[in-house]
Amino acid sequence: MHSFELVYEAEEDVLEVTFADYEEHFARSVALNDNILMHADIGLGTVWGLTFYAYTQLLQVNETQLDGLQPLSEIESRRILTLLCVPPASYFLEIISPGDLLARVKAPHLQDLIG
């Protein structure tokens, strides 16, 4: 079972999901696109959190381009996609076409979150 901290700012339409406490000096933030930010350890071994800007708008579209991964090396890009495909990140983001860097933002079911 995973622990989560969910903070939704309705006025800003921002959802911040934290999966684990982390030290900012040992964290790496990766902009997956203009609306999604992933927080991970420096070696990209663990996702510590996700931030979604315009979250309700992201939920209304079938796919979103993860064009923020394009400038990264192929190894880093694959490592990030792999991290996003497993819980807890996969509760919020579904990779629908890794080669095209396409994903779908999801609203997880409470049952998924509590295990």
N, C-alpha and C. Protein backbone atom coordinates (compact mmCIF):
# COMPACT_ATOMS: atom_id res chain seq x y z
N MET A 1 0.84 -1.17 0.00
CA MET A 1 0.00 0.00 0.00
C MET A 1 0.89 1.24 0.00
N HIS A 2 0.49 2.22 -0.77
CA HIS A 2 1.25 3.45 -0.88
C HIS A 2 0.60 4.54 -0.04
N SER A 3 1.40 5.49 0.42
CA SER A 3 0.88 6.67 1.11
C SER A 3 0.88 7.82 0.13
N PHE A 4 -0.11 8.69 0.25
CA PHE A 4 -0.25 9.81 -0.66
C PHE A 4 -0.59 11.06 0.13
N GLU A 5 -0.18 12.16 -0.42
CA GLU A 5 -0.70 13.44 0.03
C GLU A 5 -1.23 14.12 -1.23
N LEU A 6 -2.51 14.43 -1.22
CA LEU A 6 -3.15 15.08 -2.36
C LEU A 6 -3.56 16.48 -1.94
N VAL A 7 -3.14 17.47 -2.71
CA VAL A 7 -3.55 18.85 -2.45
C VAL A 7 -4.08 19.40 -3.76
N TYR A 8 -5.34 19.78 -3.74
CA TYR A 8 -5.94 20.36 -4.94
C TYR A 8 -6.30 21.81 -4.66
N GLU A 9 -5.79 22.71 -5.47
CA GLU A 9 -6.10 24.14 -5.39
C GLU A 9 -7.12 24.45 -6.47
N ALA A 10 -8.39 24.53 -6.08
CA ALA A 10 -9.47 24.71 -7.05
C ALA A 10 -9.35 26.01 -7.83
N GLU A 11 -8.99 27.07 -7.15
CA GLU A 11 -8.89 28.38 -7.81
C GLU A 11 -7.83 28.36 -8.92
N GLU A 12 -6.74 27.64 -8.68
CA GLU A 12 -5.64 27.56 -9.65
C GLU A 12 -5.77 26.33 -10.55
N ASP A 13 -6.64 25.37 -10.16
CA ASP A 13 -6.81 24.09 -10.85
C ASP A 13 -5.49 23.33 -10.90
N VAL A 14 -4.84 23.23 -9.74
CA VAL A 14 -3.55 22.55 -9.62
C VAL A 14 -3.71 21.39 -8.63
N LEU A 15 -3.31 20.21 -9.08
CA LEU A 15 -3.28 19.04 -8.21
C LEU A 15 -1.83 18.68 -7.95
N GLU A 16 -1.48 18.63 -6.67
CA GLU A 16 -0.14 18.20 -6.27
C GLU A 16 -0.28 16.87 -5.54
N VAL A 17 0.42 15.87 -6.03
CA VAL A 17 0.39 14.54 -5.43
C VAL A 17 1.80 14.23 -4.95
N THR A 18 1.93 13.91 -3.67
CA THR A 18 3.22 13.54 -3.10
C THR A 18 3.13 12.10 -2.65
N PHE A 19 4.02 11.27 -3.15
CA PHE A 19 4.04 9.84 -2.81
C PHE A 19 4.96 9.55 -1.64
N ALA A 20 5.97 10.38 -1.44
CA ALA A 20 6.95 10.15 -0.38
C ALA A 20 7.58 11.48 0.00
N ASP A 21 7.97 11.59 1.27
CA ASP A 21 8.73 12.77 1.69
C ASP A 21 10.09 12.72 1.02
N TYR A 22 10.58 13.87 0.63
CA TYR A 22 11.88 13.90 -0.01
C TYR A 22 12.62 15.18 0.33
N GLU A 23 13.91 15.09 0.23
CA GLU A 23 14.80 16.22 0.48
C GLU A 23 15.02 16.93 -0.86
N GLU A 24 14.71 18.21 -0.90
CA GLU A 24 14.81 18.96 -2.15
C GLU A 24 16.20 18.92 -2.77
N HIS A 25 17.24 18.81 -1.95
CA HIS A 25 18.61 18.79 -2.46
C HIS A 25 18.92 17.49 -3.20
N PHE A 26 18.10 16.46 -2.97
CA PHE A 26 18.32 15.17 -3.62
C PHE A 26 17.21 14.85 -4.61
N ALA A 27 16.45 15.86 -4.99
CA ALA A 27 15.32 15.67 -5.90
C ALA A 27 15.62 16.26 -7.26
N ARG A 28 14.94 15.71 -8.23
CA ARG A 28 15.04 16.21 -9.60
C ARG A 28 13.62 16.40 -10.10
N SER A 29 13.34 17.56 -10.64
CA SER A 29 12.03 17.83 -11.23
C SER A 29 12.17 17.82 -12.74
N VAL A 30 11.25 17.11 -13.39
CA VAL A 30 11.26 16.99 -14.83
C VAL A 30 9.91 17.46 -15.36
N ALA A 31 9.93 18.47 -16.22
CA ALA A 31 8.70 18.94 -16.85
C ALA A 31 8.35 17.95 -17.96
N LEU A 32 7.28 17.20 -17.75
CA LEU A 32 6.84 16.24 -18.77
C LEU A 32 6.20 16.98 -19.94
N ASN A 33 5.58 18.09 -19.64
CA ASN A 33 5.07 19.04 -20.63
C ASN A 33 4.79 20.35 -19.88
N ASP A 34 4.08 21.27 -20.50
CA ASP A 34 3.81 22.56 -19.85
C ASP A 34 2.88 22.44 -18.65
N ASN A 35 2.16 21.32 -18.52
CA ASN A 35 1.16 21.17 -17.47
C ASN A 35 1.45 20.08 -16.46
N ILE A 36 2.50 19.30 -16.67
CA ILE A 36 2.78 18.18 -15.77
C ILE A 36 4.24 18.19 -15.38
N LEU A 37 4.47 18.16 -14.07
CA LEU A 37 5.82 18.16 -13.52
C LEU A 37 5.98 16.90 -12.68
N MET A 38 7.06 16.16 -12.90
CA MET A 38 7.36 14.97 -12.13
C MET A 38 8.52 15.26 -11.20
N HIS A 39 8.39 14.82 -9.95
CA HIS A 39 9.45 14.98 -8.95
C HIS A 39 9.99 13.58 -8.67
N ALA A 40 11.30 13.41 -8.77
CA ALA A 40 11.93 12.11 -8.58
C ALA A 40 13.27 12.28 -7.89
N ASP A 41 13.87 11.14 -7.56
CA ASP A 41 15.23 11.21 -7.02
C ASP A 41 16.18 11.55 -8.17
N ILE A 42 17.37 11.96 -7.86
CA ILE A 42 18.33 12.42 -8.86
C ILE A 42 18.62 11.34 -9.90
N GLY A 43 18.67 10.08 -9.49
CA GLY A 43 18.98 8.99 -10.41
C GLY A 43 17.79 8.47 -11.18
N LEU A 44 16.63 9.10 -11.01
CA LEU A 44 15.39 8.71 -11.69
C LEU A 44 15.02 7.26 -11.39
N GLY A 45 15.14 6.88 -10.11
CA GLY A 45 14.77 5.53 -9.69
C GLY A 45 13.41 5.46 -9.02
N THR A 46 12.94 6.60 -8.53
CA THR A 46 11.67 6.64 -7.80
C THR A 46 10.96 7.95 -8.07
N VAL A 47 9.66 7.86 -8.35
CA VAL A 47 8.84 9.07 -8.48
C VAL A 47 8.37 9.45 -7.08
N TRP A 48 8.65 10.69 -6.68
CA TRP A 48 8.25 11.17 -5.38
C TRP A 48 6.96 11.98 -5.43
N GLY A 49 6.61 12.46 -6.62
CA GLY A 49 5.38 13.23 -6.72
C GLY A 49 5.13 13.72 -8.13
N LEU A 50 3.92 14.19 -8.34
CA LEU A 50 3.50 14.76 -9.62
C LEU A 50 2.72 16.04 -9.35
N THR A 51 2.88 17.02 -10.20
CA THR A 51 2.10 18.25 -10.13
C THR A 51 1.41 18.43 -11.48
N PHE A 52 0.09 18.63 -11.42
CA PHE A 52 -0.71 18.84 -12.63
C PHE A 52 -1.28 20.24 -12.61
N TYR A 53 -0.97 21.03 -13.61
CA TYR A 53 -1.55 22.36 -13.79
C TYR A 53 -2.69 22.22 -14.80
N ALA A 54 -3.80 22.91 -14.56
CA ALA A 54 -5.00 22.78 -15.40
C ALA A 54 -5.49 21.33 -15.36
N TYR A 55 -5.54 20.77 -14.16
CA TYR A 55 -5.86 19.36 -13.97
C TYR A 55 -7.21 18.97 -14.57
N THR A 56 -8.25 19.74 -14.33
CA THR A 56 -9.57 19.37 -14.86
C THR A 56 -9.58 19.41 -16.39
N GLN A 57 -8.82 20.29 -16.98
CA GLN A 57 -8.73 20.33 -18.44
C GLN A 57 -7.98 19.10 -18.97
N LEU A 58 -6.93 18.69 -18.26
CA LEU A 58 -6.19 17.50 -18.67
C LEU A 58 -7.06 16.24 -18.60
N LEU A 59 -7.98 16.21 -17.64
CA LEU A 59 -8.88 15.06 -17.52
C LEU A 59 -9.87 14.98 -18.68
N GLN A 60 -10.13 16.08 -19.34
CA GLN A 60 -11.14 16.13 -20.39
C GLN A 60 -10.60 15.77 -21.77
N VAL A 61 -9.30 15.61 -21.90
CA VAL A 61 -8.74 15.25 -23.21
C VAL A 61 -8.31 13.78 -23.18
N ASN A 62 -8.30 13.15 -24.35
CA ASN A 62 -7.96 11.74 -24.44
C ASN A 62 -6.47 11.47 -24.32
N GLU A 63 -5.67 12.47 -24.68
CA GLU A 63 -4.23 12.28 -24.61
C GLU A 63 -3.52 13.61 -24.46
N THR A 64 -2.33 13.52 -23.91
CA THR A 64 -1.48 14.69 -23.79
C THR A 64 -0.06 14.29 -24.19
N GLN A 65 0.60 15.16 -24.88
CA GLN A 65 1.97 14.91 -25.37
C GLN A 65 2.96 15.18 -24.24
N LEU A 66 3.86 14.26 -24.00
CA LEU A 66 4.92 14.44 -23.00
C LEU A 66 6.17 14.98 -23.69
N ASP A 67 6.00 16.11 -24.36
CA ASP A 67 7.08 16.68 -25.17
C ASP A 67 8.26 17.18 -24.35
N GLY A 68 8.11 17.29 -23.06
CA GLY A 68 9.23 17.67 -22.20
C GLY A 68 10.32 16.60 -22.15
N LEU A 69 9.97 15.38 -22.58
CA LEU A 69 10.95 14.29 -22.59
C LEU A 69 11.82 14.29 -23.85
N GLN A 70 11.40 15.01 -24.88
CA GLN A 70 12.13 15.00 -26.15
C GLN A 70 13.58 15.45 -26.03
N PRO A 71 13.90 16.49 -25.24
CA PRO A 71 15.30 16.92 -25.17
C PRO A 71 16.19 15.97 -24.35
N LEU A 72 15.59 15.04 -23.60
CA LEU A 72 16.37 14.14 -22.76
C LEU A 72 16.99 13.03 -23.59
N SER A 73 17.98 12.39 -23.02
CA SER A 73 18.58 11.24 -23.70
C SER A 73 17.54 10.13 -23.76
N GLU A 74 17.74 9.21 -24.69
CA GLU A 74 16.80 8.10 -24.83
C GLU A 74 16.74 7.26 -23.56
N ILE A 75 17.88 7.09 -22.90
CA ILE A 75 17.93 6.31 -21.66
C ILE A 75 17.11 6.99 -20.57
N GLU A 76 17.29 8.29 -20.40
CA GLU A 76 16.53 9.02 -19.38
C GLU A 76 15.04 9.01 -19.70
N SER A 77 14.71 9.21 -20.94
CA SER A 77 13.31 9.22 -21.36
C SER A 77 12.66 7.86 -21.08
N ARG A 78 13.33 6.78 -21.44
CA ARG A 78 12.79 5.43 -21.18
C ARG A 78 12.66 5.17 -19.69
N ARG A 79 13.65 5.61 -18.92
CA ARG A 79 13.61 5.42 -17.47
C ARG A 79 12.39 6.13 -16.87
N ILE A 80 12.14 7.35 -17.31
CA ILE A 80 10.98 8.11 -16.81
C ILE A 80 9.67 7.44 -17.22
N LEU A 81 9.56 7.02 -18.47
CA LEU A 81 8.35 6.34 -18.93
C LEU A 81 8.10 5.07 -18.13
N THR A 82 9.16 4.33 -17.81
CA THR A 82 9.03 3.12 -17.01
C THR A 82 8.52 3.46 -15.61
N LEU A 83 9.04 4.51 -15.01
CA LEU A 83 8.58 4.94 -13.68
C LEU A 83 7.10 5.32 -13.70
N LEU A 84 6.68 5.96 -14.77
CA LEU A 84 5.29 6.42 -14.86
C LEU A 84 4.32 5.28 -15.12
N CYS A 85 4.82 4.14 -15.56
CA CYS A 85 3.95 2.99 -15.87
C CYS A 85 3.62 2.12 -14.67
N VAL A 86 4.24 2.39 -13.53
CA VAL A 86 3.99 1.56 -12.34
C VAL A 86 3.41 2.41 -11.22
N PRO A 87 2.63 1.77 -10.33
CA PRO A 87 2.10 2.51 -9.19
C PRO A 87 3.23 3.08 -8.34
N PRO A 88 3.05 4.20 -7.74
CA PRO A 88 1.81 4.96 -7.63
C PRO A 88 1.58 5.96 -8.78
N ALA A 89 2.60 6.25 -9.58
CA ALA A 89 2.43 7.25 -10.65
C ALA A 89 1.37 6.82 -11.65
N SER A 90 1.28 5.52 -11.93
CA SER A 90 0.33 5.04 -12.93
C SER A 90 -1.13 5.21 -12.52
N TYR A 91 -1.38 5.50 -11.25
CA TYR A 91 -2.75 5.81 -10.82
C TYR A 91 -3.23 7.15 -11.40
N PHE A 92 -2.28 8.02 -11.71
CA PHE A 92 -2.61 9.37 -12.16
C PHE A 92 -2.28 9.63 -13.62
N LEU A 93 -1.41 8.82 -14.19
CA LEU A 93 -0.95 9.04 -15.56
C LEU A 93 -0.80 7.69 -16.25
N GLU A 94 -1.46 7.53 -17.39
CA GLU A 94 -1.39 6.30 -18.17
C GLU A 94 -0.61 6.58 -19.45
N ILE A 95 0.46 5.84 -19.65
CA ILE A 95 1.24 5.98 -20.88
C ILE A 95 0.51 5.18 -21.96
N ILE A 96 0.02 5.87 -22.98
CA ILE A 96 -0.77 5.18 -24.01
C ILE A 96 0.03 4.89 -25.27
N SER A 97 1.12 5.61 -25.50
CA SER A 97 1.99 5.35 -26.64
C SER A 97 3.40 5.83 -26.29
N PRO A 98 4.22 4.95 -25.72
CA PRO A 98 5.57 5.38 -25.30
C PRO A 98 6.40 5.95 -26.43
N GLY A 99 6.33 5.35 -27.61
CA GLY A 99 7.12 5.82 -28.74
C GLY A 99 6.75 7.21 -29.20
N ASP A 100 5.46 7.54 -29.06
CA ASP A 100 4.98 8.87 -29.45
C ASP A 100 4.93 9.83 -28.27
N LEU A 101 5.35 9.36 -27.09
CA LEU A 101 5.33 10.16 -25.85
C LEU A 101 3.92 10.68 -25.56
N LEU A 102 2.93 9.81 -25.67
CA LEU A 102 1.55 10.18 -25.40
C LEU A 102 1.07 9.52 -24.11
N ALA A 103 0.35 10.30 -23.32
CA ALA A 103 -0.18 9.81 -22.05
C ALA A 103 -1.60 10.34 -21.85
N ARG A 104 -2.28 9.76 -20.89
CA ARG A 104 -3.61 10.20 -20.51
C ARG A 104 -3.60 10.47 -19.00
N VAL A 105 -4.07 11.63 -18.61
CA VAL A 105 -4.18 11.97 -17.19
C VAL A 105 -5.45 11.32 -16.66
N LYS A 106 -5.34 10.72 -15.49
CA LYS A 106 -6.46 9.99 -14.90
C LYS A 106 -6.83 10.56 -13.54
N ALA A 107 -8.08 10.33 -13.18
CA ALA A 107 -8.55 10.60 -11.82
C ALA A 107 -8.65 9.23 -11.15
N PRO A 108 -7.74 8.93 -10.24
CA PRO A 108 -7.72 7.59 -9.67
C PRO A 108 -8.95 7.32 -8.79
N HIS A 109 -9.29 6.04 -8.71
CA HIS A 109 -10.36 5.61 -7.82
C HIS A 109 -9.78 5.51 -6.41
N LEU A 110 -10.56 5.85 -5.43
CA LEU A 110 -10.11 5.80 -4.05
C LEU A 110 -9.64 4.39 -3.69
N GLN A 111 -10.30 3.39 -4.19
CA GLN A 111 -9.92 2.01 -3.92
C GLN A 111 -8.48 1.72 -4.38
N ASP A 112 -8.08 2.28 -5.51
CA ASP A 112 -6.71 2.11 -5.99
C ASP A 112 -5.70 2.75 -5.03
N LEU A 113 -6.06 3.88 -4.50
CA LEU A 113 -5.14 4.63 -3.64
C LEU A 113 -4.94 3.98 -2.29
N ILE A 114 -5.95 3.31 -1.79
CA ILE A 114 -5.82 2.73 -0.45
C ILE A 114 -5.46 1.25 -0.49
N GLY A 115 -5.29 0.72 -1.70
CA GLY A 115 -4.77 -0.62 -1.85
C GLY A 115 -5.80 -1.67 -1.73
